[in-house]
Amino acid sequence: MRSGSKAEGTFFQAYHLKLAHPLRLDDGAACGEQEMRSLALSQEDMARLKGRAVTVRARAFCQEDRAGSYRLADITVLRTNPPAL
């Protein structure tokens, strides 16, 4: 996903992790209860995982300034499978 403008300093690019099963998150505050089928990855080096099946450990958090949705940060890749052919 990409949005914003490099010239204006608002450019934003994120990769999403598609979940094997929906995940229900609820911070009891700004983001509230949401059923997630994918989560944005808020970390610089995620392009290397594009197209791969991965298992990760991460911290889910509510990012209010990005449409009040949940994202993943502090991501550690536990297992990576090769890209599908």
C-alpha atoms as a PDB file:
ATOM      1  CA  MET A   1       0.000   0.000   0.000  1.00  0.00           C
ATOM      2  CA  ARG A   2       1.314   3.481  -0.875  1.00  0.00           C
ATOM      3  CA  SER A   3      -0.055   6.949  -0.203  1.00  0.00           C
ATOM      4  CA  GLY A   4       1.032  10.565   0.044  1.00  0.00           C
ATOM      5  CA  SER A   5       3.677  12.505  -1.857  1.00  0.00           C
ATOM      6  CA  LYS A   6       7.475  12.289  -1.668  1.00  0.00           C
ATOM      7  CA  ALA A   7       7.687  15.963  -2.666  1.00  0.00           C
ATOM      8  CA  GLU A   8       5.429  17.001   0.229  1.00  0.00           C
ATOM      9  CA  GLY A   9       7.129  14.666   2.702  1.00  0.00           C
ATOM     10  CA  THR A  10       3.921  12.691   3.278  1.00  0.00           C
ATOM     11  CA  PHE A  11       4.844   9.540   1.332  1.00  0.00           C
ATOM     12  CA  PHE A  12       3.959   6.319   3.126  1.00  0.00           C
ATOM     13  CA  GLN A  13       4.459   2.712   2.021  1.00  0.00           C
ATOM     14  CA  ALA A  14       3.427  -0.357   3.967  1.00  0.00           C
ATOM     15  CA  TYR A  15       3.387  -4.065   3.385  1.00  0.00           C
ATOM     16  CA  HIS A  16       0.537  -6.151   4.733  1.00  0.00           C
ATOM     17  CA  LEU A  17       0.642  -9.549   6.370  1.00  0.00           C
ATOM     18  CA  LYS A  18      -2.335 -11.648   5.251  1.00  0.00           C
ATOM     19  CA  LEU A  19      -3.481 -13.718   8.208  1.00  0.00           C
ATOM     20  CA  ALA A  20      -4.222 -17.441   7.950  1.00  0.00           C
ATOM     21  CA  HIS A  21      -7.253 -16.850  10.221  1.00  0.00           C
ATOM     22  CA  PRO A  22      -9.068 -13.619  11.156  1.00  0.00           C
ATOM     23  CA  LEU A  23      -7.804 -12.023  14.348  1.00  0.00           C
ATOM     24  CA  ARG A  24     -10.024  -9.929  16.643  1.00  0.00           C
ATOM     25  CA  LEU A  25      -8.253  -7.007  18.327  1.00  0.00           C
ATOM     26  CA  ASP A  26      -9.712  -4.538  20.830  1.00  0.00           C
ATOM     27  CA  ASP A  27      -7.708  -1.833  22.595  1.00  0.00           C
ATOM     28  CA  GLY A  28     -10.802  -0.599  24.436  1.00  0.00           C
ATOM     29  CA  ALA A  29     -10.072   2.885  23.103  1.00  0.00           C
ATOM     30  CA  ALA A  30      -9.550   4.704  19.778  1.00  0.00           C
ATOM     31  CA  CYS A  31      -9.385   1.705  17.441  1.00  0.00           C
ATOM     32  CA  GLY A  32     -11.978  -0.334  19.299  1.00  0.00           C
ATOM     33  CA  GLU A  33     -12.877  -3.866  18.314  1.00  0.00           C
ATOM     34  CA  GLN A  34     -11.887  -4.868  14.785  1.00  0.00           C
ATOM     35  CA  GLU A  35     -11.649  -8.218  13.060  1.00  0.00           C
ATOM     36  CA  MET A  36      -8.446  -8.185  11.025  1.00  0.00           C
ATOM     37  CA  ARG A  37      -7.742 -10.330   7.968  1.00  0.00           C
ATOM     38  CA  SER A  38      -4.451  -8.552   7.294  1.00  0.00           C
ATOM     39  CA  LEU A  39      -2.214  -6.192   9.262  1.00  0.00           C
ATOM     40  CA  ALA A  40       0.143  -3.483   8.018  1.00  0.00           C
ATOM     41  CA  LEU A  41       3.795  -4.037   8.888  1.00  0.00           C
ATOM     42  CA  SER A  42       5.360  -0.882  10.355  1.00  0.00           C
ATOM     43  CA  GLN A  43       8.990  -1.721   9.835  1.00  0.00           C
ATOM     44  CA  GLU A  44      11.534  -0.736   7.187  1.00  0.00           C
ATOM     45  CA  ASP A  45      12.847  -4.118   5.999  1.00  0.00           C
ATOM     46  CA  MET A  46       9.569  -5.865   5.168  1.00  0.00           C
ATOM     47  CA  ALA A  47       9.922  -5.745   1.342  1.00  0.00           C
ATOM     48  CA  ARG A  48      12.208  -8.788   1.542  1.00  0.00           C
ATOM     49  CA  LEU A  49       9.241 -10.881   2.724  1.00  0.00           C
ATOM     50  CA  LYS A  50       6.908  -9.963  -0.143  1.00  0.00           C
ATOM     51  CA  GLY A  51       5.220 -13.044  -1.610  1.00  0.00           C
ATOM     52  CA  ARG A  52       6.444 -15.396   1.127  1.00  0.00           C
ATOM     53  CA  ALA A  53       4.577 -17.320   3.784  1.00  0.00           C
ATOM     54  CA  VAL A  54       6.022 -16.228   7.129  1.00  0.00           C
ATOM     55  CA  THR A  55       5.546 -16.756  10.838  1.00  0.00           C
ATOM     56  CA  VAL A  56       6.261 -13.658  12.913  1.00  0.00           C
ATOM     57  CA  ARG A  57       6.242 -12.424  16.486  1.00  0.00           C
ATOM     58  CA  ALA A  58       5.140  -8.787  16.706  1.00  0.00           C
ATOM     59  CA  ARG A  59       3.450  -6.114  18.782  1.00  0.00           C
ATOM     60  CA  ALA A  60      -0.008  -5.047  17.576  1.00  0.00           C
ATOM     61  CA  PHE A  61      -0.889  -1.402  18.158  1.00  0.00           C
ATOM     62  CA  CYS A  62      -3.541   1.142  17.210  1.00  0.00           C
ATOM     63  CA  GLN A  63      -2.334   3.869  14.874  1.00  0.00           C
ATOM     64  CA  GLU A  64      -4.986   6.556  15.154  1.00  0.00           C
ATOM     65  CA  ASP A  65      -3.490   8.866  12.526  1.00  0.00           C
ATOM     66  CA  ARG A  66      -3.724   6.129   9.859  1.00  0.00           C
ATOM     67  CA  ALA A  67      -7.511   5.705   9.824  1.00  0.00           C
ATOM     68  CA  GLY A  68      -7.665   4.215  13.315  1.00  0.00           C
ATOM     69  CA  SER A  69      -6.466   0.777  12.396  1.00  0.00           C
ATOM     70  CA  TYR A  70      -4.168  -1.791  13.926  1.00  0.00           C
ATOM     71  CA  ARG A  71      -0.617  -2.358  12.698  1.00  0.00           C
ATOM     72  CA  LEU A  72       2.325  -4.556  13.642  1.00  0.00           C
ATOM     73  CA  ALA A  73       5.675  -3.295  14.962  1.00  0.00           C
ATOM     74  CA  ASP A  74       8.736  -4.807  16.664  1.00  0.00           C
ATOM     75  CA  ILE A  75       8.517  -7.633  14.135  1.00  0.00           C
ATOM     76  CA  THR A  76      10.709 -10.709  14.471  1.00  0.00           C
ATOM     77  CA  VAL A  77      10.546 -13.278  11.667  1.00  0.00           C
ATOM     78  CA  LEU A  78      10.418 -16.762  13.167  1.00  0.00           C
ATOM     79  CA  ARG A  79      10.051 -18.780   9.936  1.00  0.00           C
ATOM     80  CA  THR A  80      10.081 -17.991   6.199  1.00  0.00           C
ATOM     81  CA  ASN A  81       8.929 -20.223   3.343  1.00  0.00           C
ATOM     82  CA  PRO A  82      10.019 -19.666  -0.266  1.00  0.00           C
ATOM     83  CA  PRO A  83       7.729 -17.674  -2.578  1.00  0.00           C
ATOM     84  CA  ALA A  84       4.922 -19.628  -4.239  1.00  0.00           C
ATOM     85  CA  LEU A  85       5.555 -20.513  -7.903  1.00  0.00           C
END
